[in-house]
Amino acid sequence: MVSGAVSGIVSEAFDAFNDFRDDGKQSLGERIATVGINTVITGVGDVAITAGSKVLASTMRFVRGKLPDIKVEKVEVVGKASEEIEVKLKEVEELRIEVTGKASQGQTERYPTKLIDPIEDKYIIDQVAEVRGGLSNRYKEDGNFAYAEVNITGVDKTDFYAHSGIHDASKNIPGTGEFSFKPDQQIFKATEAPDKVGNIYLRDGDTEYKILNDLAKRIGDNPNATGKIKLFSEKDTCGSCNIIIQQFNEKYPNIKIEVIHNGDVPILPKT
């Protein structure tokens, strides 16, 4: 017999899938993170069940819309063999394959992003803290901040900054002399996308949108432009910004873009 703890955690995992299918507001990754599914669950005797962390992580990368109208039933583990768990995990994998197939037909996969390395990228953290510290109190600790380290042929500027609450250069906000703002003529259009709590709105104030439009204006229509961009945002990319990054990548295929984030945690300004 498998420990009752297994039943609870596995059932919560499938609840995460079903809840995501029902409302689609919170990301599947956020739901699964709260469940803590990336673990090994050990039952009584020789039964040890690995709770499908690779399957779930793979699903998180591909799911962009709501899951199909398929309810995954909870697993009542107590008194049942571990094979039933494997059956349920197989169902999850089948869902992943189905959703991935639909994504390839009508939706592009997310451009890859990763957490910042606090050691390798310490200079970026220090740079952001320095520039944030130079802003007025209204913007110093609020909003999302982004920084791009740029090395592109034909573009003299190497450091780009943007703040989600600072949009207009004409306001001459102290400390924003090198910032990217809302473009007068956008090359890459912002679209509506949900925030972490599910509120959907036009993302034309987002930092990645501002920086990449600024960069594209400087590069111009030159598909042969070469170089590298290391784009950092305190928050991970939303659906709108992720699409813009993909569009930039398609327009300038010889420019390598690396996207890193701070797990939605703001960097404290230098005082």
Protein backbone atom coordinates (compact mmCIF):
# COMPACT_ATOMS: atom_id res chain seq x y z
CA MET A 1 0.00 0.00 0.00
CA VAL A 2 1.32 3.44 -0.92
CA SER A 3 1.51 6.21 1.62
CA GLY A 4 -1.47 8.58 1.77
CA ALA A 5 0.90 11.46 1.15
CA VAL A 6 1.30 10.21 -2.40
CA SER A 7 -2.42 10.45 -3.01
CA GLY A 8 -2.51 14.04 -1.83
CA ILE A 9 0.38 15.33 -3.89
CA VAL A 10 -0.47 13.49 -7.09
CA SER A 11 -4.11 14.55 -6.82
CA GLU A 12 -3.03 18.17 -6.34
CA ALA A 13 -0.87 17.86 -9.42
CA PHE A 14 -3.80 16.81 -11.55
CA ASP A 15 -5.91 19.54 -9.95
CA ALA A 16 -3.33 21.97 -11.27
CA PHE A 17 -3.89 20.70 -14.81
CA ASN A 18 -7.67 20.76 -14.49
CA ASP A 19 -7.75 24.24 -12.95
CA PHE A 20 -5.50 25.56 -15.70
CA ARG A 21 -7.74 24.00 -18.31
CA ASP A 22 -10.78 25.61 -16.72
CA ASP A 23 -9.63 29.23 -16.39
CA GLY A 24 -6.27 29.57 -18.15
CA LYS A 25 -5.45 32.66 -16.11
CA GLN A 26 -2.56 31.51 -14.00
CA SER A 27 0.28 29.89 -15.85
CA LEU A 28 0.56 26.14 -15.59
CA GLY A 29 4.07 26.61 -14.33
CA GLU A 30 2.87 28.77 -11.44
CA ARG A 31 0.20 26.25 -10.47
CA ILE A 32 2.61 23.32 -10.52
CA ALA A 33 5.18 25.30 -8.59
CA THR A 34 2.69 25.71 -5.77
CA VAL A 35 2.07 21.99 -5.75
CA GLY A 36 5.78 21.23 -5.47
CA ILE A 37 5.59 18.39 -7.95
CA ASN A 38 9.31 18.22 -8.68
CA THR A 39 10.03 15.63 -6.04
CA VAL A 40 10.30 11.92 -5.49
CA ILE A 41 7.47 10.42 -3.50
CA THR A 42 8.28 7.28 -1.58
CA GLY A 43 5.55 4.96 -0.38
CA VAL A 44 5.50 1.92 1.85
CA GLY A 45 7.69 -1.06 1.04
CA ASP A 46 9.52 -1.06 -2.27
CA VAL A 47 7.18 1.40 -4.02
CA ALA A 48 8.87 4.61 -5.11
CA ILE A 49 7.13 6.94 -7.53
CA THR A 50 8.84 9.75 -9.39
CA ALA A 51 6.12 12.32 -9.86
CA GLY A 52 6.62 13.08 -13.53
CA SER A 53 8.63 16.25 -13.07
CA LYS A 54 10.18 15.98 -16.54
CA VAL A 55 6.79 15.48 -18.15
CA LEU A 56 5.29 18.43 -16.29
CA ALA A 57 8.26 20.68 -16.97
CA SER A 58 8.03 19.81 -20.65
CA THR A 59 4.33 20.59 -20.63
CA MET A 60 4.95 23.96 -19.02
CA ARG A 61 7.27 24.94 -21.84
CA PHE A 62 4.73 24.22 -24.56
CA VAL A 63 1.30 25.10 -23.18
CA ARG A 64 0.24 28.60 -24.19
CA GLY A 65 -3.54 28.34 -24.31
CA LYS A 66 -6.10 26.39 -22.35
CA LEU A 67 -5.82 22.66 -22.18
CA PRO A 68 -8.37 20.62 -24.13
CA ASP A 69 -11.66 19.77 -22.46
CA ILE A 70 -10.30 16.60 -20.96
CA LYS A 71 -10.64 16.12 -17.22
CA VAL A 72 -7.81 14.21 -15.62
CA GLU A 73 -9.25 12.28 -12.74
CA LYS A 74 -7.55 12.32 -9.37
CA VAL A 75 -5.52 9.32 -8.47
CA GLU A 76 -6.67 7.47 -5.38
CA VAL A 77 -3.37 5.85 -4.57
CA VAL A 78 -4.08 4.20 -1.25
CA GLY A 79 -4.53 0.48 -1.76
CA LYS A 80 -3.66 0.59 -5.48
CA ALA A 81 -0.54 -0.47 -7.31
CA SER A 82 1.98 2.07 -8.59
CA GLU A 83 1.11 1.10 -12.18
CA GLU A 84 -1.99 3.30 -11.97
CA ILE A 85 0.19 6.31 -11.26
CA GLU A 86 2.19 5.55 -14.37
CA VAL A 87 -1.04 5.37 -16.39
CA LYS A 88 -2.04 8.82 -15.19
CA LEU A 89 1.37 10.26 -15.95
CA LYS A 90 1.11 8.75 -19.43
CA GLU A 91 -2.18 10.64 -19.87
CA VAL A 92 -0.36 13.85 -18.98
CA GLU A 93 2.30 13.09 -21.57
CA GLU A 94 -0.40 12.48 -24.19
CA LEU A 95 -1.91 15.86 -23.34
CA ARG A 96 1.50 17.45 -23.75
CA ILE A 97 1.91 15.89 -27.18
CA GLU A 98 -1.56 17.00 -28.24
CA VAL A 99 -1.06 20.58 -27.09
CA THR A 100 2.41 20.72 -28.60
CA GLY A 101 0.97 19.62 -31.94
CA LYS A 102 -1.62 22.37 -31.83
CA ALA A 103 1.04 24.89 -30.91
CA SER A 104 3.12 23.96 -33.94
CA GLN A 105 0.09 24.48 -36.18
CA GLY A 106 -1.21 27.78 -34.87
CA GLN A 107 1.03 29.12 -32.12
CA THR A 108 4.76 29.59 -31.94
CA GLU A 109 6.70 28.15 -29.06
CA ARG A 110 8.02 30.56 -26.47
CA TYR A 111 11.42 32.07 -27.07
CA PRO A 112 13.66 30.51 -24.41
CA THR A 113 14.42 32.50 -21.28
CA LYS A 114 16.34 31.59 -18.15
CA LEU A 115 17.07 32.85 -14.66
CA ILE A 116 19.99 35.20 -14.27
CA ASP A 117 23.21 33.73 -12.90
CA PRO A 118 23.99 35.89 -9.84
CA ILE A 119 27.71 35.16 -10.16
CA GLU A 120 28.34 35.24 -13.90
CA ASP A 121 25.93 38.15 -14.41
CA LYS A 122 26.69 40.09 -11.24
CA TYR A 123 27.75 43.06 -13.35
CA ILE A 124 24.22 43.24 -14.77
CA ILE A 125 22.67 43.18 -11.30
CA ASP A 126 25.07 45.93 -10.21
CA GLN A 127 24.31 47.96 -13.32
CA VAL A 128 20.56 47.74 -12.79
CA ALA A 129 20.90 48.61 -9.10
CA GLU A 130 23.02 51.63 -10.02
CA VAL A 131 20.60 52.99 -12.63
CA ARG A 132 17.52 52.24 -10.52
CA GLY A 133 19.14 54.14 -7.66
CA GLY A 134 19.40 57.22 -9.86
CA LEU A 135 15.65 57.39 -10.49
CA SER A 136 13.18 59.45 -8.48
CA ASN A 137 11.41 57.77 -5.56
CA ARG A 138 8.32 57.18 -7.70
CA TYR A 139 10.21 54.81 -10.01
CA LYS A 140 13.15 53.70 -7.90
CA GLU A 141 11.50 50.64 -6.39
CA ASP A 142 8.34 50.18 -8.46
CA GLY A 143 7.68 48.70 -11.89
CA ASN A 144 9.72 46.33 -14.01
CA PHE A 145 13.24 47.28 -15.05
CA ALA A 146 15.15 45.96 -18.05
CA TYR A 147 18.69 46.28 -19.31
CA ALA A 148 20.19 45.14 -22.61
CA GLU A 149 23.88 44.70 -23.26
CA VAL A 150 24.22 45.23 -27.01
CA ASN A 151 27.06 44.57 -29.43
CA ILE A 152 25.71 45.00 -32.97
CA THR A 153 27.49 46.18 -36.08
CA GLY A 154 26.35 49.69 -37.00
CA VAL A 155 24.89 50.45 -33.55
CA ASP A 156 27.18 52.65 -31.46
CA LYS A 157 25.12 52.44 -28.27
CA THR A 158 25.88 49.40 -26.11
CA ASP A 159 23.71 49.89 -23.00
CA PHE A 160 19.92 50.09 -23.22
CA TYR A 161 17.51 50.60 -20.31
CA ALA A 162 13.76 50.67 -19.91
CA HIS A 163 11.21 50.96 -17.10
CA SER A 164 7.63 49.75 -17.34
CA GLY A 165 6.33 53.01 -15.86
CA ILE A 166 8.49 55.46 -17.85
CA HIS A 167 7.13 55.96 -21.36
CA ASP A 168 7.78 59.49 -22.64
CA ALA A 169 11.20 61.04 -23.28
CA SER A 170 9.72 64.56 -23.32
CA LYS A 171 8.98 64.38 -19.59
CA ASN A 172 12.73 64.51 -18.91
CA ILE A 173 12.51 62.30 -15.84
CA PRO A 174 15.84 62.46 -13.96
CA GLY A 175 18.09 59.48 -14.60
CA THR A 176 16.43 58.40 -17.87
CA GLY A 177 18.75 60.01 -20.40
CA GLU A 178 19.79 56.64 -21.86
CA PHE A 179 16.36 54.97 -21.62
CA SER A 180 14.23 53.49 -24.38
CA PHE A 181 10.66 54.78 -24.44
CA LYS A 182 7.40 54.03 -26.21
CA PRO A 183 8.12 54.28 -29.94
CA ASP A 184 6.37 56.92 -32.03
CA GLN A 185 6.21 54.39 -34.85
CA GLN A 186 6.37 50.83 -33.61
CA ILE A 187 8.20 48.26 -35.70
CA PHE A 188 7.11 45.41 -33.48
CA LYS A 189 3.56 45.76 -32.23
CA ALA A 190 2.57 45.06 -28.65
CA THR A 191 -0.44 42.82 -28.12
CA GLU A 192 -2.75 42.05 -25.24
CA ALA A 193 -1.45 39.54 -22.71
CA PRO A 194 -2.32 38.56 -19.13
CA ASP A 195 -0.30 39.51 -16.10
CA LYS A 196 0.42 37.13 -13.21
CA VAL A 197 -3.05 37.48 -11.74
CA GLY A 198 -4.86 37.10 -15.06
CA ASN A 199 -5.58 40.74 -15.96
CA ILE A 200 -5.38 41.13 -19.73
CA TYR A 201 -4.27 44.44 -21.25
CA LEU A 202 -2.22 45.91 -24.10
CA ARG A 203 1.45 45.47 -23.22
CA ASP A 204 2.73 48.64 -24.90
CA GLY A 205 4.46 49.83 -21.75
CA ASP A 206 6.62 46.76 -21.33
CA THR A 207 10.37 47.08 -21.18
CA GLU A 208 11.30 44.52 -23.83
CA TYR A 209 8.86 46.17 -26.25
CA LYS A 210 10.57 49.54 -25.76
CA ILE A 211 14.14 48.31 -26.02
CA LEU A 212 13.68 46.08 -29.08
CA ASN A 213 11.75 48.75 -30.99
CA ASP A 214 14.49 51.25 -30.16
CA LEU A 215 17.12 48.80 -31.37
CA ALA A 216 15.26 47.95 -34.57
CA LYS A 217 14.95 51.65 -35.40
CA ARG A 218 18.72 52.03 -35.06
CA ILE A 219 19.52 48.90 -37.09
CA GLY A 220 17.03 49.64 -39.85
CA ASP A 221 16.04 47.18 -42.57
CA ASN A 222 19.28 45.26 -42.58
CA PRO A 223 18.71 41.50 -42.31
CA ASN A 224 22.48 40.99 -42.54
CA ALA A 225 23.21 42.87 -39.32
CA THR A 226 25.31 40.79 -36.94
CA GLY A 227 25.94 40.87 -33.23
CA LYS A 228 24.72 39.87 -29.79
CA ILE A 229 22.11 41.05 -27.32
CA LYS A 230 21.94 40.03 -23.70
CA LEU A 231 18.49 41.16 -22.62
CA PHE A 232 17.70 41.21 -18.91
CA SER A 233 14.29 41.89 -17.38
CA GLU A 234 13.42 41.59 -13.71
CA LYS A 235 10.22 39.84 -14.76
CA ASP A 236 10.09 36.93 -17.16
CA THR A 237 8.63 37.74 -20.57
CA CYS A 238 4.86 37.94 -21.03
CA GLY A 239 3.19 36.55 -24.15
CA SER A 240 3.39 39.87 -26.00
CA CYS A 241 7.08 40.51 -25.32
CA ASN A 242 8.02 36.93 -26.08
CA ILE A 243 6.42 37.23 -29.51
CA ILE A 244 8.26 40.52 -30.10
CA ILE A 245 11.56 38.83 -29.27
CA GLN A 246 10.75 36.12 -31.81
CA GLN A 247 9.87 38.74 -34.43
CA PHE A 248 13.14 40.56 -33.79
CA ASN A 249 14.98 37.26 -34.15
CA GLU A 250 13.25 36.58 -37.47
CA LYS A 251 13.95 40.09 -38.79
CA TYR A 252 17.62 39.94 -37.79
CA PRO A 253 18.59 36.24 -37.92
CA ASN A 254 22.31 36.95 -37.51
CA ILE A 255 21.88 38.70 -34.18
CA LYS A 256 22.01 36.31 -31.25
CA ILE A 257 19.59 37.12 -28.42
CA GLU A 258 19.96 35.76 -24.91
CA VAL A 259 17.06 36.52 -22.57
CA ILE A 260 17.48 36.32 -18.81
CA HIS A 261 15.26 37.37 -15.93
CA ASN A 262 15.23 37.63 -12.14
CA GLY A 263 12.21 35.44 -11.46
CA ASP A 264 9.86 38.43 -11.13
CA VAL A 265 11.92 39.80 -8.24
CA PRO A 266 12.92 43.50 -8.46
CA ILE A 267 16.56 44.40 -7.93
CA LEU A 268 17.04 46.73 -5.00
CA PRO A 269 18.31 50.17 -6.06
CA LYS A 270 21.75 51.28 -4.97
CA THR A 271 21.52 53.95 -2.32
